[in-house]
Amino acid sequence: MKVKKFHLILISILSGLILTLAWPVNGFPGLLFIGLVPLLFVEDYISNHRDKFFKFSLLFYSYPAFFTWNLLTTWWIYNSTLGGAIMAVVLNSLFLAIVFQVFSWAKRHLSSKLAGYFALVSFWIAFEYLHLNWILTWPWLTLGNGFASYYNWVQWYEYTGVMGGTLWVLVANILTYEAIRKARIEFILLFIASLLIIVPILISFSIYRNFTEKPDPVNFVVVQPNVDPYSEQYSLPPREVVNRIMTLADPLLDSTTNFLIAPESTIQENMWENDMNTFFTLKLLRNVIHRYPELNILIGGSTFKAYEEDEALSRSARKFKDSDNYYDAYNTAILINASDSLQLYHKSKLTPGVEALPSFKGFKWLEKFAINLGGTVGSLGADDHRKVYWTNNTIRVSPIICYESVFGEFFAEFVSNGAQVMIIITNDGWWGDTPGHRQHFSFAHLRTIETRRSIARSANTGISAFIDQRGDAFDVTKYWEPAAIKGTLNANSTLTFYVKHGDYIARIAVWLTCVLLLISLSVRIFVKK
């Protein structure tokens, strides 16, 4: 079949449009199973007509697909930063196009087309795993995330995590393409592809229907104060912010309430961790504890730590302008209860370009290019341990701060360390009333399924809610409306297979990627000689 080069670009864009129409929160995820089919045709055509194309043609022809997908699903980043949006769309599209180019190169040097497709699955999943764990991390478009709004399709994520969803999508696309690529449809392959899609969904429905929680109630009040992140968050007096929270929460609090939850970055009092109890905001919150001695308050804030002269410095340490001493800045979750001491957790999965920039020797100059959203600008400090809070009623909880809720294995590490209920605090107002905050909320469904942990979610503005262990959300708040909700969630101590083993599918893919690349390179060298 003769195809013009311009047609290949249009076919590539078609892949991007299908993937976009499949994406949360308004898309239909069934389209994910055919989203890469047009792109596989482009790769196949270029491979079969190599004499008509330059060496890295697939990079050029696959880029429109990934650019279209990235642009139409994550355009909303521009609401907070135009530069960050451009970088995210351009770079993420490039990374995926490189994956496709390397797959095509490896397929040419491996012994069979089947081995080539094996390489595609391995390379793609290995890249998604890398994208979860390096400085430019942006796992928003991990293929397995595409089922976040249809979470009853993927209840088996408690065994595989989202990487199982990525594997599912890739294999289904390959089988579908091979079934229809010839003039005569291969009905056996099409039947196998259909089974591969339908059977896991039926299994998931069965798990969803039969799953029951063990009663172990924990009572929450969650506040959505609706502080404008652009005009109010860093300018309102701390007393006024606390008053807003308590005005919303007070009618719902009583002696049976175990937790009061307020969102990320609520307290902006420049609190130094060397002497936290002296700060006015915390004194106001301790007054609430005096009224409800069994209450635990979890609230987000900006904190700082000054280093002693002989103390080892972190990579993110900053120098005081007026002295030779150093300090670190943190995005912190603070737990306050009747105990004299505070429990602090510092956000560890930091947002690239806003909270994290390369901090290796020789790269500190990049700090001046950090995206300024107000507050502390530049690389923040982070915890290297997934902390679990011990509370008055012995329920163990862990906080997840904003962007961290996109990372399945990271989230599961808190559960592995003993968390019985998870708490997400976030500030999604930066993105405006766009798909951004709704996508972010939808990913929380997947975290509950992977870990079978209930979630209390407090957004400054966005979506606050309670999510049970099946992924069902209730008492969901509306965007840009101050609100407080009261609800009961069940604690759970059982560890799922995924919590125990993490992203094992991705780690296998990484090893296979190394092996397949070595084989491909060896064949190339041998053929040249």
Protein backbone atom coordinates (compact mmCIF):
# COMPACT_ATOMS: atom_id res chain seq x y z
CA MET A 1 0.00 0.00 0.00
CA LYS A 2 1.44 3.35 -1.04
CA VAL A 3 1.24 6.01 1.67
CA LYS A 4 2.49 9.58 1.37
CA LYS A 5 4.75 10.88 4.12
CA PHE A 6 2.22 13.58 5.01
CA HIS A 7 -0.35 10.84 5.59
CA LEU A 8 1.99 9.25 8.16
CA ILE A 9 1.93 12.46 10.17
CA LEU A 10 -1.88 12.50 10.10
CA ILE A 11 -2.00 8.83 11.14
CA SER A 12 0.39 9.62 13.99
CA ILE A 13 -1.83 12.49 15.15
CA LEU A 14 -4.78 10.07 15.05
CA SER A 15 -3.03 7.99 17.73
CA GLY A 16 -2.66 11.10 19.91
CA LEU A 17 -6.35 11.96 19.47
CA ILE A 18 -7.49 8.44 20.41
CA LEU A 19 -5.31 8.44 23.54
CA THR A 20 -6.70 11.86 24.46
CA LEU A 21 -10.30 10.67 24.07
CA ALA A 22 -9.44 7.76 26.38
CA TRP A 23 -7.96 9.87 29.19
CA PRO A 24 -9.55 10.80 32.53
CA VAL A 25 -11.71 12.40 33.54
CA ASN A 26 -14.10 12.64 30.61
CA GLY A 27 -12.58 10.03 28.31
CA PHE A 28 -13.51 6.40 27.72
CA PRO A 29 -10.56 4.13 28.64
CA GLY A 30 -11.63 1.39 26.23
CA LEU A 31 -9.98 3.53 23.53
CA LEU A 32 -6.60 2.95 25.18
CA PHE A 33 -6.62 -0.57 23.72
CA ILE A 34 -6.48 0.84 20.16
CA GLY A 35 -4.70 4.15 20.83
CA LEU A 36 -1.29 2.95 19.64
CA VAL A 37 -2.57 1.00 16.64
CA PRO A 38 -2.15 3.89 14.14
CA LEU A 39 1.34 4.51 15.50
CA LEU A 40 2.26 0.83 15.08
CA PHE A 41 1.19 1.15 11.44
CA VAL A 42 3.50 4.15 11.02
CA GLU A 43 6.41 2.20 12.52
CA ASP A 44 5.70 -0.85 10.37
CA TYR A 45 5.49 1.23 7.18
CA ILE A 46 8.74 3.06 7.86
CA SER A 47 10.50 -0.22 8.73
CA ASN A 48 9.36 -1.80 5.47
CA HIS A 49 10.43 1.21 3.37
CA ARG A 50 13.66 2.18 5.09
CA ASP A 51 15.26 3.24 1.80
CA LYS A 52 12.77 6.13 1.60
CA PHE A 53 13.36 7.48 5.12
CA PHE A 54 16.33 8.83 7.06
CA LYS A 55 17.77 6.97 10.05
CA PHE A 56 15.69 8.61 12.80
CA SER A 57 12.49 9.04 10.84
CA LEU A 58 10.31 7.32 13.41
CA LEU A 59 11.33 9.90 16.02
CA PHE A 60 9.99 12.58 13.68
CA TYR A 61 6.81 10.72 12.69
CA SER A 62 5.88 9.48 16.16
CA TYR A 63 6.41 12.84 17.86
CA PRO A 64 3.09 14.32 16.58
CA ALA A 65 1.18 11.50 18.32
CA PHE A 66 2.78 12.08 21.69
CA PHE A 67 2.73 15.87 21.35
CA THR A 68 -1.01 15.78 20.59
CA TRP A 69 -1.70 13.49 23.55
CA ASN A 70 0.40 15.53 25.99
CA LEU A 71 -0.92 18.88 24.81
CA LEU A 72 -4.60 17.96 24.89
CA THR A 73 -4.47 16.20 28.28
CA THR A 74 -2.06 18.42 30.27
CA TRP A 75 -2.49 21.88 28.70
CA TRP A 76 -3.90 23.10 32.01
CA ILE A 77 -0.38 23.34 33.50
CA TYR A 78 -0.13 26.74 31.81
CA ASN A 79 -2.56 28.16 34.41
CA SER A 80 0.26 28.02 36.94
CA THR A 81 3.26 28.38 34.63
CA LEU A 82 3.42 28.79 30.85
CA GLY A 83 7.11 27.89 30.77
CA GLY A 84 6.51 24.75 32.83
CA ALA A 85 3.64 23.71 30.56
CA ILE A 86 5.78 24.10 27.43
CA MET A 87 8.64 22.12 28.96
CA ALA A 88 6.34 19.34 30.21
CA VAL A 89 4.60 18.89 26.86
CA VAL A 90 7.70 19.21 24.66
CA LEU A 91 10.02 17.04 26.75
CA ASN A 92 7.54 14.31 27.68
CA SER A 93 6.55 13.98 24.03
CA LEU A 94 10.21 13.74 23.06
CA PHE A 95 10.94 11.05 25.65
CA LEU A 96 8.08 8.87 24.38
CA ALA A 97 9.13 9.40 20.76
CA ILE A 98 12.65 8.28 21.69
CA VAL A 99 11.21 5.13 23.27
CA PHE A 100 9.38 4.37 20.01
CA GLN A 101 12.48 5.07 17.92
CA VAL A 102 14.63 2.75 20.06
CA PHE A 103 11.96 0.05 19.84
CA SER A 104 12.00 0.26 16.05
CA TRP A 105 15.81 0.10 15.99
CA ALA A 106 15.84 -2.95 18.29
CA LYS A 107 13.12 -4.69 16.28
CA ARG A 108 15.29 -4.54 13.16
CA HIS A 109 18.16 -6.30 14.93
CA LEU A 110 16.24 -8.93 16.90
CA SER A 111 15.46 -12.31 15.44
CA SER A 112 11.70 -11.92 15.04
CA LYS A 113 8.83 -9.48 15.02
CA LEU A 114 7.60 -11.06 18.26
CA ALA A 115 10.91 -10.20 19.90
CA GLY A 116 10.52 -6.67 18.59
CA TYR A 117 7.13 -6.29 20.20
CA PHE A 118 8.58 -7.78 23.38
CA ALA A 119 11.11 -4.94 23.23
CA LEU A 120 8.35 -2.33 22.85
CA VAL A 121 6.58 -3.54 26.00
CA SER A 122 9.83 -3.71 27.98
CA PHE A 123 11.16 -0.34 26.79
CA TRP A 124 7.88 1.50 27.40
CA ILE A 125 7.37 0.14 30.93
CA ALA A 126 11.05 0.69 31.79
CA PHE A 127 10.70 4.32 30.68
CA GLU A 128 7.55 4.79 32.78
CA TYR A 129 9.48 3.44 35.76
CA LEU A 130 12.36 5.83 35.07
CA HIS A 131 9.84 8.66 34.80
CA LEU A 132 8.69 7.84 38.33
CA ASN A 133 12.16 8.04 39.81
CA TRP A 134 14.37 10.74 38.28
CA ILE A 135 14.70 14.50 38.64
CA LEU A 136 12.42 15.22 35.63
CA THR A 137 9.69 12.94 36.93
CA TRP A 138 6.31 13.45 35.26
CA PRO A 139 4.29 10.20 35.48
CA TRP A 140 0.93 11.87 34.82
CA LEU A 141 0.52 10.02 31.52
CA THR A 142 1.53 6.57 32.70
CA LEU A 143 -0.79 4.40 30.60
CA GLY A 144 -2.11 2.53 33.64
CA ASN A 145 -3.41 5.84 35.03
CA GLY A 146 -5.89 5.94 32.16
CA PHE A 147 -8.38 3.79 34.11
CA ALA A 148 -8.60 6.19 37.08
CA SER A 149 -12.20 7.21 36.34
CA TYR A 150 -13.21 3.59 35.58
CA TYR A 151 -11.43 2.13 38.60
CA ASN A 152 -13.92 -0.76 38.81
CA TRP A 153 -12.16 -2.11 35.67
CA VAL A 154 -8.83 -2.47 37.48
CA GLN A 155 -9.52 -3.76 40.97
CA TRP A 156 -6.69 -6.22 40.29
CA TYR A 157 -4.23 -3.31 40.67
CA GLU A 158 -3.90 -4.58 44.25
CA TYR A 159 -1.68 -7.25 42.62
CA THR A 160 0.04 -5.30 39.82
CA GLY A 161 -0.24 -1.55 40.42
CA VAL A 162 -0.64 0.78 37.44
CA MET A 163 2.23 -0.93 35.61
CA GLY A 164 -0.12 -3.88 35.18
CA GLY A 165 -2.48 -1.51 33.40
CA THR A 166 0.31 -0.31 31.12
CA LEU A 167 1.22 -3.92 30.27
CA TRP A 168 -2.45 -4.65 29.57
CA VAL A 169 -2.79 -1.69 27.20
CA LEU A 170 0.43 -2.36 25.29
CA VAL A 171 -0.25 -6.07 24.69
CA ALA A 172 -3.85 -5.37 23.63
CA ASN A 173 -2.66 -2.76 21.10
CA ILE A 174 -0.06 -5.11 19.63
CA LEU A 175 -2.54 -7.98 19.26
CA THR A 176 -5.18 -5.70 17.76
CA TYR A 177 -2.74 -4.25 15.25
CA GLU A 178 -1.46 -7.65 14.19
CA ALA A 179 -5.06 -8.86 13.81
CA ILE A 180 -6.04 -6.06 11.41
CA ARG A 181 -2.82 -5.06 9.64
CA LYS A 182 -3.27 -7.49 6.74
CA ALA A 183 -5.92 -7.18 4.07
CA ARG A 184 -7.62 -10.18 5.66
CA ILE A 185 -8.49 -9.82 9.33
CA GLU A 186 -6.93 -12.48 11.56
CA PHE A 187 -10.02 -13.42 13.54
CA ILE A 188 -8.12 -15.70 15.92
CA LEU A 189 -5.82 -12.85 16.98
CA LEU A 190 -8.80 -10.50 17.22
CA PHE A 191 -10.58 -13.02 19.42
CA ILE A 192 -7.52 -13.35 21.67
CA ALA A 193 -7.24 -9.55 21.89
CA SER A 194 -10.92 -9.32 22.84
CA LEU A 195 -10.47 -11.93 25.56
CA LEU A 196 -7.40 -10.10 26.85
CA ILE A 197 -9.50 -6.96 27.24
CA ILE A 198 -12.75 -8.45 28.52
CA VAL A 199 -11.54 -11.11 30.98
CA PRO A 200 -9.55 -8.75 33.26
CA ILE A 201 -12.55 -6.41 33.38
CA LEU A 202 -14.86 -9.26 34.41
CA ILE A 203 -12.36 -10.37 37.07
CA SER A 204 -12.22 -6.80 38.34
CA PHE A 205 -16.01 -6.53 38.53
CA SER A 206 -16.03 -9.73 40.59
CA ILE A 207 -13.37 -8.40 42.99
CA TYR A 208 -15.24 -5.11 43.31
CA ARG A 209 -18.58 -6.79 44.01
CA ASN A 210 -17.20 -9.22 46.58
CA PHE A 211 -14.78 -6.93 48.41
CA THR A 212 -15.84 -6.03 51.96
CA GLU A 213 -14.05 -3.89 54.50
CA LYS A 214 -13.40 -5.04 58.05
CA PRO A 215 -14.98 -2.56 60.48
CA ASP A 216 -12.35 -0.42 62.22
CA PRO A 217 -13.85 3.08 62.20
CA VAL A 218 -11.86 6.31 62.29
CA ASN A 219 -13.75 9.62 62.38
CA PHE A 220 -12.56 12.56 60.28
CA VAL A 221 -13.41 16.18 59.70
CA VAL A 222 -11.82 17.46 56.49
CA VAL A 223 -11.65 21.17 55.68
CA GLN A 224 -11.45 22.87 52.28
CA PRO A 225 -10.72 26.51 53.23
CA ASN A 226 -10.60 27.82 49.64
CA VAL A 227 -7.69 30.22 50.11
CA ASP A 228 -6.75 31.69 46.72
CA PRO A 229 -3.19 30.46 46.05
CA TYR A 230 -2.39 33.47 43.90
CA SER A 231 -3.82 36.37 45.88
CA GLU A 232 -4.25 35.14 49.47
CA GLN A 233 -2.14 32.14 50.42
CA TYR A 234 1.09 34.04 51.11
CA SER A 235 -0.44 37.33 52.22
CA LEU A 236 -3.28 36.47 54.64
CA PRO A 237 -2.33 36.72 58.34
CA PRO A 238 -1.94 33.24 59.88
CA ARG A 239 -4.64 34.04 62.45
CA GLU A 240 -7.18 34.67 59.68
CA VAL A 241 -6.31 31.41 57.91
CA VAL A 242 -6.79 29.41 61.12
CA ASN A 243 -10.04 31.27 61.83
CA ARG A 244 -11.35 30.29 58.37
CA ILE A 245 -10.53 26.66 59.03
CA MET A 246 -12.07 26.57 62.47
CA THR A 247 -15.21 28.46 61.35
CA LEU A 248 -15.82 25.63 58.89
CA ALA A 249 -14.73 22.79 61.18
CA ASP A 250 -16.20 23.77 64.58
CA PRO A 251 -19.83 22.80 63.82
CA LEU A 252 -18.66 19.27 62.90
CA LEU A 253 -16.16 18.61 65.70
CA ASP A 254 -17.10 16.64 68.78
CA SER A 255 -15.50 14.31 71.32
CA THR A 256 -15.63 11.35 68.89
CA THR A 257 -13.64 13.10 66.14
CA ASN A 258 -10.24 11.45 65.70
CA PHE A 259 -8.76 13.72 63.02
CA LEU A 260 -9.13 17.27 61.75
CA ILE A 261 -7.42 17.59 58.34
CA ALA A 262 -6.43 20.86 56.64
CA PRO A 263 -4.67 21.11 53.26
CA GLU A 264 -1.13 21.53 52.00
CA SER A 265 0.71 24.82 52.64
CA THR A 266 -2.00 26.15 54.95
CA ILE A 267 0.37 27.68 57.51
CA GLN A 268 2.67 30.35 56.11
CA GLU A 269 4.34 31.61 59.28
CA ASN A 270 7.95 30.81 58.31
CA MET A 271 8.26 28.26 61.09
CA TRP A 272 11.74 27.17 62.12
CA GLU A 273 11.83 23.54 63.18
CA ASN A 274 14.56 24.26 65.71
CA ASP A 275 11.84 25.79 67.93
CA MET A 276 8.40 25.00 66.44
CA ASN A 277 6.29 25.41 69.57
CA THR A 278 6.92 29.14 69.77
CA PHE A 279 4.89 29.94 66.65
CA PHE A 280 1.53 31.62 67.00
CA THR A 281 -0.41 29.46 64.54
CA LEU A 282 0.51 26.27 66.36
CA LYS A 283 -0.53 27.81 69.67
CA LEU A 284 -3.96 28.55 68.17
CA LEU A 285 -4.29 24.93 67.04
CA ARG A 286 -3.18 23.63 70.43
CA ASN A 287 -6.09 25.58 71.91
CA VAL A 288 -8.37 23.40 69.79
CA ILE A 289 -6.65 20.31 71.22
CA HIS A 290 -7.39 21.59 74.74
CA ARG A 291 -11.10 21.50 73.85
CA TYR A 292 -10.86 18.04 72.25
CA PRO A 293 -8.01 16.15 73.98
CA GLU A 294 -8.39 13.06 71.79
CA LEU A 295 -8.18 15.05 68.55
CA ASN A 296 -5.28 14.85 66.09
CA ILE A 297 -4.82 17.83 63.74
CA LEU A 298 -2.93 17.29 60.48
CA ILE A 299 -2.14 20.46 58.58
CA GLY A 300 0.28 21.54 55.86
CA GLY A 301 2.78 24.36 56.16
CA SER A 302 6.15 25.76 55.13
CA THR A 303 8.94 25.01 57.59
CA PHE A 304 12.67 25.66 57.76
CA LYS A 305 15.63 24.05 59.48
CA ALA A 306 18.88 25.83 60.36
CA TYR A 307 22.00 23.66 60.24
CA GLU A 308 24.50 23.60 63.06
CA GLU A 309 28.07 24.54 62.10
CA ASP A 310 29.37 20.95 62.19
CA GLU A 311 26.19 19.33 60.77
CA ALA A 312 26.29 17.61 57.36
CA LEU A 313 24.46 19.61 54.69
CA SER A 314 21.86 18.20 52.32
CA ARG A 315 22.08 18.81 48.56
CA SER A 316 19.17 21.24 48.86
CA ALA A 317 20.76 23.33 51.66
CA ARG A 318 20.65 27.09 51.11
CA LYS A 319 23.09 29.69 52.41
CA PHE A 320 21.81 32.54 54.57
CA LYS A 321 22.31 35.86 52.83
CA ASP A 322 23.78 37.55 55.91
CA SER A 323 25.94 34.73 57.32
CA ASP A 324 27.99 31.67 56.42
CA ASN A 325 25.39 29.31 57.87
CA TYR A 326 22.95 27.12 55.93
CA TYR A 327 19.30 26.11 56.13
CA ASP A 328 16.75 23.92 54.37
CA ALA A 329 13.18 24.77 53.34
CA TYR A 330 10.42 22.17 53.37
CA ASN A 331 6.84 21.54 52.28
CA THR A 332 5.67 19.92 55.51
CA ALA A 333 2.76 17.97 56.96
CA ILE A 334 2.45 18.68 60.69
CA LEU A 335 0.62 16.46 63.18
CA ILE A 336 -0.51 18.15 66.39
CA ASN A 337 -2.13 16.36 69.32
CA ALA A 338 -2.04 16.29 73.11
CA SER A 339 1.59 15.17 73.04
CA ASP A 340 4.16 17.89 73.71
CA SER A 341 6.09 17.02 70.57
CA LEU A 342 5.06 17.60 66.95
CA GLN A 343 5.38 14.99 64.21
CA LEU A 344 6.68 16.34 60.89
CA TYR A 345 6.85 14.84 57.43
CA HIS A 346 8.65 16.65 54.61
CA LYS A 347 7.34 16.21 51.08
CA SER A 348 9.70 13.84 49.27
CA LYS A 349 8.40 13.59 45.70
CA LEU A 350 9.00 17.19 44.71
CA THR A 351 7.44 18.92 41.69
CA PRO A 352 10.08 19.37 38.95
CA GLY A 353 10.91 22.98 38.16
CA VAL A 354 8.98 24.29 41.17
CA GLU A 355 10.27 22.41 44.20
CA ALA A 356 13.12 20.40 42.66
CA LEU A 357 15.99 21.35 40.38
CA PRO A 358 19.33 19.59 39.84
CA SER A 359 21.31 20.17 43.04
CA PHE A 360 24.48 18.33 42.12
CA LYS A 361 27.78 20.15 42.27
CA GLY A 362 28.03 22.57 39.38
CA PHE A 363 24.26 22.81 38.80
CA LYS A 364 23.18 25.04 41.70
CA TRP A 365 22.99 27.97 39.26
CA LEU A 366 19.79 26.45 37.87
CA GLU A 367 18.01 27.52 41.07
CA LYS A 368 17.51 30.99 39.58
CA PHE A 369 15.31 29.42 36.89
CA ALA A 370 12.93 27.82 39.42
CA ILE A 371 9.25 28.52 38.70
CA ASN A 372 7.91 31.05 41.20
CA LEU A 373 4.41 30.24 42.44
CA GLY A 374 4.81 32.32 45.59
CA GLY A 375 6.35 31.28 48.88
CA THR A 376 9.75 29.60 48.93
CA VAL A 377 11.36 29.34 45.48
CA GLY A 378 13.88 26.68 44.46
CA SER A 379 14.77 23.15 45.53
CA LEU A 380 13.21 22.04 48.81
CA GLY A 381 14.54 19.57 51.33
CA ALA A 382 12.95 16.10 51.46
CA ASP A 383 12.60 13.14 53.81
CA ASP A 384 14.30 9.88 52.91
CA HIS A 385 11.93 7.81 55.09
CA ARG A 386 8.22 7.14 54.58
CA LYS A 387 6.93 8.32 57.95
CA VAL A 388 3.98 6.92 59.84
CA TYR A 389 2.32 9.03 62.54
CA TRP A 390 1.36 7.51 65.87
CA THR A 391 -1.82 9.11 67.14
CA ASN A 392 -3.83 9.37 70.33
CA ASN A 393 -6.11 6.47 69.48
CA THR A 394 -3.20 4.26 68.25
CA ILE A 395 -4.40 4.45 64.63
CA ARG A 396 -1.34 4.83 62.40
CA VAL A 397 -1.70 7.27 59.51
CA SER A 398 0.60 8.73 56.89
CA PRO A 399 0.35 12.01 55.01
CA ILE A 400 0.77 12.31 51.25
CA ILE A 401 1.43 15.82 49.97
CA CYS A 402 -0.06 16.82 46.60
CA TYR A 403 2.06 15.49 43.68
CA GLU A 404 3.13 12.47 45.76
CA SER A 405 -0.28 10.87 45.29
CA VAL A 406 0.57 10.09 41.64
CA PHE A 407 3.33 7.64 42.64
CA GLY A 408 1.97 4.16 43.38
CA GLU A 409 5.06 2.40 44.75
CA PHE A 410 6.04 5.47 46.77
CA PHE A 411 2.54 5.63 48.26
CA ALA A 412 2.68 1.91 49.06
CA GLU A 413 5.89 2.34 51.06
CA PHE A 414 3.98 4.28 53.73
CA VAL A 415 1.53 1.41 53.96
CA SER A 416 4.37 -1.10 54.15
CA ASN A 417 5.75 0.89 57.09
CA GLY A 418 2.48 0.52 58.97
CA ALA A 419 -0.01 3.16 57.81
CA GLN A 420 -3.59 1.96 58.33
CA VAL A 421 -5.29 5.02 56.79
CA MET A 422 -3.82 7.47 54.27
CA ILE A 423 -4.33 11.23 54.21
CA ILE A 424 -3.78 13.35 51.10
CA ILE A 425 -3.32 17.09 51.56
CA THR A 426 -3.05 19.17 48.41
CA ASN A 427 -3.43 22.60 46.89
CA ASP A 428 -4.90 22.19 43.40
CA GLY A 429 -6.03 25.78 42.97
CA TRP A 430 -2.94 26.64 40.91
CA TRP A 431 -4.50 25.00 37.84
CA GLY A 432 -7.88 26.71 37.96
CA ASP A 433 -11.13 24.91 37.18
CA THR A 434 -9.53 22.67 34.54
CA PRO A 435 -9.15 18.91 34.07
CA GLY A 436 -5.92 19.16 36.09
CA HIS A 437 -7.42 19.06 39.57
CA ARG A 438 -10.03 16.48 38.51
CA GLN A 439 -7.37 14.17 37.04
CA HIS A 440 -5.32 14.55 40.20
CA PHE A 441 -8.29 13.55 42.32
CA SER A 442 -9.11 10.57 40.09
CA PHE A 443 -5.65 9.06 40.60
CA ALA A 444 -6.46 8.66 44.31
CA HIS A 445 -8.95 5.91 43.37
CA LEU A 446 -6.02 3.85 42.08
CA ARG A 447 -3.99 4.35 45.26
CA THR A 448 -6.80 2.97 47.42
CA ILE A 449 -7.09 -0.11 45.22
CA GLU A 450 -3.34 -0.78 45.11
CA THR A 451 -3.03 -0.61 48.90
CA ARG A 452 -6.62 -1.21 50.12
CA ARG A 453 -6.24 1.82 52.34
CA SER A 454 -8.99 4.37 52.84
CA ILE A 455 -8.07 7.97 52.03
CA ALA A 456 -9.18 11.26 53.55
CA ARG A 457 -8.38 13.98 51.00
CA SER A 458 -8.17 17.67 51.87
CA ALA A 459 -7.69 20.14 49.03
CA ASN A 460 -7.26 23.85 49.62
CA THR A 461 -9.57 24.19 46.70
CA GLY A 462 -10.26 21.46 44.21
CA ILE A 463 -11.85 18.26 45.41
CA SER A 464 -11.91 17.12 49.01
CA ALA A 465 -13.51 13.78 49.77
CA PHE A 466 -13.39 10.43 51.52
CA ILE A 467 -12.43 7.37 49.48
CA ASP A 468 -13.00 3.84 50.74
CA GLN A 469 -10.88 0.73 50.12
CA ARG A 470 -12.71 -0.17 46.88
CA GLY A 471 -12.02 3.27 45.44
CA ASP A 472 -15.53 4.68 45.93
CA ALA A 473 -15.58 8.38 46.88
CA PHE A 474 -18.22 10.04 49.03
CA ASP A 475 -18.93 13.51 50.45
CA VAL A 476 -17.15 14.98 47.44
CA THR A 477 -16.81 18.78 47.59
CA LYS A 478 -17.21 21.25 44.74
CA TYR A 479 -14.45 23.35 43.20
CA TRP A 480 -13.84 26.85 44.61
CA GLU A 481 -16.31 26.48 47.44
CA PRO A 482 -15.30 26.63 51.12
CA ALA A 483 -16.44 23.40 52.76
CA ALA A 484 -16.01 21.01 55.66
CA ILE A 485 -17.05 17.36 55.55
CA LYS A 486 -17.40 14.78 58.27
CA GLY A 487 -17.03 11.08 57.64
CA THR A 488 -15.90 7.69 58.90
CA LEU A 489 -13.28 5.51 57.22
CA ASN A 490 -12.16 2.02 58.15
CA ALA A 491 -8.54 1.39 59.05
CA ASN A 492 -6.83 -1.67 57.57
CA SER A 493 -3.62 -3.51 58.48
CA THR A 494 -3.58 -6.18 55.74
CA LEU A 495 -0.86 -5.75 53.10
CA THR A 496 -1.76 -6.32 49.46
CA PHE A 497 0.51 -8.19 47.05
CA TYR A 498 1.39 -4.85 45.44
CA VAL A 499 2.36 -3.27 48.76
CA LYS A 500 4.65 -6.21 49.49
CA HIS A 501 6.31 -6.27 46.06
CA GLY A 502 5.88 -2.79 44.57
CA ASP A 503 6.47 -2.18 40.86
CA TYR A 504 7.94 -5.62 40.22
CA ILE A 505 6.57 -5.56 36.65
CA ALA A 506 8.60 -2.44 35.95
CA ARG A 507 11.77 -3.84 37.52
CA ILE A 508 11.47 -6.96 35.35
CA ALA A 509 11.01 -4.67 32.34
CA VAL A 510 14.18 -2.76 33.24
CA TRP A 511 16.24 -5.98 33.26
CA LEU A 512 14.67 -7.14 30.00
CA THR A 513 15.39 -3.76 28.45
CA CYS A 514 19.06 -4.07 29.32
CA VAL A 515 19.21 -7.60 27.87
CA LEU A 516 17.34 -6.71 24.67
CA LEU A 517 19.46 -3.61 24.07
CA LEU A 518 22.64 -5.64 24.53
CA ILE A 519 21.42 -8.31 22.11
CA SER A 520 20.40 -5.68 19.54
CA LEU A 521 23.72 -3.87 19.85
CA SER A 522 25.66 -7.13 19.58
CA VAL A 523 23.77 -8.13 16.43
CA ARG A 524 24.39 -4.70 14.91
CA ILE A 525 28.13 -4.90 15.61
CA PHE A 526 28.33 -8.48 14.28
CA VAL A 527 26.49 -7.60 11.07
CA LYS A 528 28.73 -4.57 10.48
CA LYS A 529 31.85 -6.68 10.89
